[in-house]
Amino acid sequence: MLMDLRASYDAGRTQELITRWQDCEMLVLDEFGLSGGGRDEEPMLYQVLADRYDHRRPTIITSNLEIGALREVLGFRLLNRLGE
């Protein structure tokens, strides 16, 4: 996901990718937190996940991070939403 997002900057396709991830039937993020996002990418990830939550679209996140580290990556509000 992050590689696609970074590649989209030069091509001007960032919003297209975000919309695709928001609207897909099911989003699976495997090994979440393995590759850290930059400061610009965190709001985009939040935008995708918050929209999916708001529209009740299924999202699966797998990670080896402990809950405290996951909270740091996702933030309390988003982690709380995903826990619902």
N, C-alpha and C. Protein backbone atom coordinates (compact mmCIF):
# COMPACT_ATOMS: atom_id res chain seq x y z
N MET A 1 0.83 -1.19 0.00
CA MET A 1 0.00 0.00 0.00
C MET A 1 0.87 1.26 0.00
N LEU A 2 1.86 1.27 0.89
CA LEU A 2 2.73 2.44 0.96
C LEU A 2 3.56 2.61 -0.31
N MET A 3 4.00 1.51 -0.89
CA MET A 3 4.78 1.60 -2.14
C MET A 3 3.91 2.18 -3.25
N ASP A 4 2.67 1.72 -3.35
CA ASP A 4 1.76 2.26 -4.36
C ASP A 4 1.48 3.74 -4.11
N LEU A 5 1.30 4.09 -2.86
CA LEU A 5 1.03 5.48 -2.51
C LEU A 5 2.21 6.37 -2.89
N ARG A 6 3.41 5.93 -2.54
CA ARG A 6 4.60 6.72 -2.86
C ARG A 6 4.80 6.85 -4.37
N ALA A 7 4.50 5.79 -5.11
CA ALA A 7 4.64 5.83 -6.57
C ALA A 7 3.59 6.75 -7.19
N SER A 8 2.48 6.96 -6.51
CA SER A 8 1.40 7.77 -7.07
C SER A 8 1.69 9.27 -7.02
N TYR A 9 2.63 9.69 -6.19
CA TYR A 9 2.90 11.13 -6.05
C TYR A 9 3.30 11.76 -7.38
N ASP A 10 4.25 11.15 -8.07
CA ASP A 10 4.72 11.71 -9.34
C ASP A 10 3.68 11.60 -10.44
N ALA A 11 2.86 10.56 -10.38
CA ALA A 11 1.87 10.33 -11.42
C ALA A 11 0.58 11.12 -11.17
N GLY A 12 0.46 11.75 -10.01
CA GLY A 12 -0.74 12.51 -9.70
C GLY A 12 -1.97 11.64 -9.50
N ARG A 13 -1.76 10.41 -8.99
CA ARG A 13 -2.86 9.46 -8.83
C ARG A 13 -3.19 9.19 -7.37
N THR A 14 -2.71 10.01 -6.47
CA THR A 14 -2.86 9.74 -5.04
C THR A 14 -4.33 9.65 -4.63
N GLN A 15 -5.14 10.62 -5.00
CA GLN A 15 -6.55 10.60 -4.61
C GLN A 15 -7.28 9.41 -5.23
N GLU A 16 -6.90 9.03 -6.44
CA GLU A 16 -7.49 7.86 -7.09
C GLU A 16 -7.24 6.60 -6.26
N LEU A 17 -6.02 6.43 -5.76
CA LEU A 17 -5.70 5.28 -4.92
C LEU A 17 -6.47 5.31 -3.61
N ILE A 18 -6.49 6.46 -2.98
CA ILE A 18 -7.21 6.59 -1.71
C ILE A 18 -8.67 6.20 -1.89
N THR A 19 -9.29 6.70 -2.94
CA THR A 19 -10.69 6.38 -3.22
C THR A 19 -10.88 4.90 -3.48
N ARG A 20 -9.95 4.29 -4.20
CA ARG A 20 -10.05 2.85 -4.49
C ARG A 20 -9.98 2.04 -3.20
N TRP A 21 -9.07 2.42 -2.30
CA TRP A 21 -8.94 1.71 -1.03
C TRP A 21 -10.15 1.96 -0.12
N GLN A 22 -10.71 3.16 -0.19
CA GLN A 22 -11.89 3.44 0.62
C GLN A 22 -13.09 2.62 0.15
N ASP A 23 -13.21 2.43 -1.15
CA ASP A 23 -14.40 1.82 -1.73
C ASP A 23 -14.32 0.32 -1.97
N CYS A 24 -13.14 -0.29 -1.84
CA CYS A 24 -13.04 -1.72 -2.15
C CYS A 24 -13.89 -2.53 -1.17
N GLU A 25 -14.32 -3.70 -1.64
CA GLU A 25 -15.23 -4.53 -0.86
C GLU A 25 -14.64 -4.91 0.50
N MET A 26 -13.38 -5.31 0.52
CA MET A 26 -12.69 -5.62 1.77
C MET A 26 -11.23 -5.20 1.63
N LEU A 27 -10.72 -4.54 2.65
CA LEU A 27 -9.32 -4.11 2.66
C LEU A 27 -8.57 -4.94 3.69
N VAL A 28 -7.47 -5.55 3.28
CA VAL A 28 -6.63 -6.33 4.18
C VAL A 28 -5.25 -5.70 4.19
N LEU A 29 -4.81 -5.29 5.36
CA LEU A 29 -3.46 -4.74 5.54
C LEU A 29 -2.68 -5.78 6.34
N ASP A 30 -1.81 -6.49 5.65
CA ASP A 30 -1.03 -7.56 6.26
C ASP A 30 0.30 -7.01 6.74
N GLU A 31 0.75 -7.50 7.89
CA GLU A 31 2.02 -7.06 8.47
C GLU A 31 2.03 -5.54 8.68
N PHE A 32 0.92 -5.01 9.15
CA PHE A 32 0.80 -3.58 9.37
C PHE A 32 1.86 -3.10 10.36
N GLY A 33 2.49 -2.00 10.05
CA GLY A 33 3.51 -1.43 10.91
C GLY A 33 4.91 -1.92 10.60
N LEU A 34 5.04 -2.88 9.70
CA LEU A 34 6.36 -3.39 9.34
C LEU A 34 7.17 -2.31 8.63
N SER A 35 6.51 -1.58 7.75
CA SER A 35 7.13 -0.48 7.03
C SER A 35 6.45 0.80 7.46
N GLY A 36 7.18 1.64 8.15
CA GLY A 36 6.59 2.86 8.68
C GLY A 36 6.27 3.87 7.59
N GLY A 37 5.16 4.54 7.77
CA GLY A 37 4.78 5.60 6.85
C GLY A 37 5.38 6.92 7.30
N GLY A 38 5.45 7.84 6.39
CA GLY A 38 5.94 9.17 6.73
C GLY A 38 4.83 10.04 7.25
N ARG A 39 5.17 11.23 7.66
CA ARG A 39 4.18 12.15 8.21
C ARG A 39 3.08 12.48 7.20
N ASP A 40 3.43 12.52 5.93
CA ASP A 40 2.42 12.81 4.90
C ASP A 40 1.49 11.63 4.68
N GLU A 41 1.98 10.43 4.93
CA GLU A 41 1.19 9.24 4.66
C GLU A 41 0.24 8.88 5.79
N GLU A 42 0.54 9.27 7.01
CA GLU A 42 -0.33 8.97 8.14
C GLU A 42 -1.73 9.56 7.96
N PRO A 43 -1.86 10.84 7.56
CA PRO A 43 -3.22 11.37 7.35
C PRO A 43 -3.97 10.66 6.23
N MET A 44 -3.25 10.21 5.21
CA MET A 44 -3.90 9.49 4.12
C MET A 44 -4.40 8.13 4.60
N LEU A 45 -3.62 7.45 5.41
CA LEU A 45 -4.05 6.18 5.99
C LEU A 45 -5.28 6.40 6.87
N TYR A 46 -5.24 7.44 7.67
CA TYR A 46 -6.39 7.76 8.52
C TYR A 46 -7.62 8.03 7.65
N GLN A 47 -7.43 8.77 6.58
CA GLN A 47 -8.54 9.09 5.67
C GLN A 47 -9.17 7.81 5.12
N VAL A 48 -8.34 6.85 4.72
CA VAL A 48 -8.85 5.59 4.18
C VAL A 48 -9.59 4.81 5.26
N LEU A 49 -8.95 4.61 6.40
CA LEU A 49 -9.53 3.77 7.43
C LEU A 49 -10.76 4.40 8.08
N ALA A 50 -10.74 5.70 8.29
CA ALA A 50 -11.90 6.38 8.88
C ALA A 50 -13.10 6.33 7.94
N ASP A 51 -12.86 6.50 6.65
CA ASP A 51 -13.95 6.42 5.68
C ASP A 51 -14.53 5.02 5.65
N ARG A 52 -13.67 4.02 5.70
CA ARG A 52 -14.16 2.64 5.69
C ARG A 52 -14.99 2.37 6.94
N TYR A 53 -14.55 2.88 8.06
CA TYR A 53 -15.30 2.72 9.30
C TYR A 53 -16.67 3.41 9.18
N ASP A 54 -16.66 4.64 8.71
CA ASP A 54 -17.91 5.41 8.59
C ASP A 54 -18.92 4.74 7.67
N HIS A 55 -18.43 4.03 6.64
CA HIS A 55 -19.32 3.37 5.69
C HIS A 55 -19.46 1.87 5.95
N ARG A 56 -18.98 1.45 7.11
CA ARG A 56 -19.12 0.05 7.56
C ARG A 56 -18.57 -0.97 6.55
N ARG A 57 -17.42 -0.63 6.00
CA ARG A 57 -16.76 -1.57 5.08
C ARG A 57 -15.75 -2.39 5.86
N PRO A 58 -15.69 -3.68 5.62
CA PRO A 58 -14.78 -4.54 6.39
C PRO A 58 -13.31 -4.25 6.10
N THR A 59 -12.55 -4.22 7.18
CA THR A 59 -11.11 -4.00 7.10
C THR A 59 -10.43 -4.97 8.05
N ILE A 60 -9.43 -5.67 7.58
CA ILE A 60 -8.66 -6.59 8.40
C ILE A 60 -7.23 -6.09 8.46
N ILE A 61 -6.71 -6.00 9.67
CA ILE A 61 -5.32 -5.57 9.85
C ILE A 61 -4.61 -6.64 10.66
N THR A 62 -3.52 -7.16 10.11
CA THR A 62 -2.69 -8.09 10.86
C THR A 62 -1.39 -7.38 11.19
N SER A 63 -0.86 -7.69 12.37
CA SER A 63 0.37 -7.04 12.80
C SER A 63 1.01 -7.84 13.92
N ASN A 64 2.31 -7.75 14.01
CA ASN A 64 3.03 -8.34 15.13
C ASN A 64 3.31 -7.30 16.21
N LEU A 65 2.81 -6.09 16.00
CA LEU A 65 3.02 -5.03 16.99
C LEU A 65 2.18 -5.29 18.23
N GLU A 66 2.72 -4.94 19.39
CA GLU A 66 1.94 -4.99 20.61
C GLU A 66 0.95 -3.83 20.58
N ILE A 67 -0.08 -3.90 21.40
CA ILE A 67 -1.15 -2.92 21.36
C ILE A 67 -0.64 -1.49 21.56
N GLY A 68 0.34 -1.30 22.41
CA GLY A 68 0.89 0.05 22.64
C GLY A 68 1.55 0.61 21.40
N ALA A 69 2.31 -0.22 20.70
CA ALA A 69 2.97 0.21 19.47
C ALA A 69 1.95 0.45 18.37
N LEU A 70 0.92 -0.39 18.32
CA LEU A 70 -0.13 -0.22 17.33
C LEU A 70 -0.89 1.09 17.57
N ARG A 71 -1.10 1.42 18.84
CA ARG A 71 -1.75 2.68 19.20
C ARG A 71 -0.91 3.87 18.73
N GLU A 72 0.40 3.75 18.83
CA GLU A 72 1.28 4.83 18.37
C GLU A 72 1.17 5.02 16.87
N VAL A 73 1.08 3.93 16.13
CA VAL A 73 1.02 3.99 14.67
C VAL A 73 -0.34 4.51 14.21
N LEU A 74 -1.41 3.97 14.79
CA LEU A 74 -2.76 4.31 14.34
C LEU A 74 -3.35 5.52 15.06
N GLY A 75 -2.94 5.74 16.29
CA GLY A 75 -3.57 6.77 17.10
C GLY A 75 -4.74 6.17 17.86
N PHE A 76 -5.07 6.75 19.00
CA PHE A 76 -6.10 6.20 19.87
C PHE A 76 -7.47 6.16 19.20
N ARG A 77 -7.86 7.26 18.55
CA ARG A 77 -9.21 7.33 17.95
C ARG A 77 -9.41 6.25 16.89
N LEU A 78 -8.44 6.11 16.01
CA LEU A 78 -8.58 5.13 14.93
C LEU A 78 -8.52 3.72 15.47
N LEU A 79 -7.63 3.45 16.42
CA LEU A 79 -7.54 2.11 17.01
C LEU A 79 -8.85 1.78 17.71
N ASN A 80 -9.45 2.72 18.39
CA ASN A 80 -10.72 2.51 19.06
C ASN A 80 -11.83 2.18 18.04
N ARG A 81 -11.85 2.89 16.94
CA ARG A 81 -12.84 2.62 15.91
C ARG A 81 -12.67 1.23 15.32
N LEU A 82 -11.43 0.86 15.06
CA LEU A 82 -11.17 -0.46 14.47
C LEU A 82 -11.52 -1.58 15.44
N GLY A 83 -11.45 -1.29 16.72
CA GLY A 83 -11.80 -2.29 17.73
C GLY A 83 -13.28 -2.56 17.81
N GLU A 84 -14.09 -1.68 17.25
CA GLU A 84 -15.54 -1.89 17.27
C GLU A 84 -15.85 -2.96 16.30
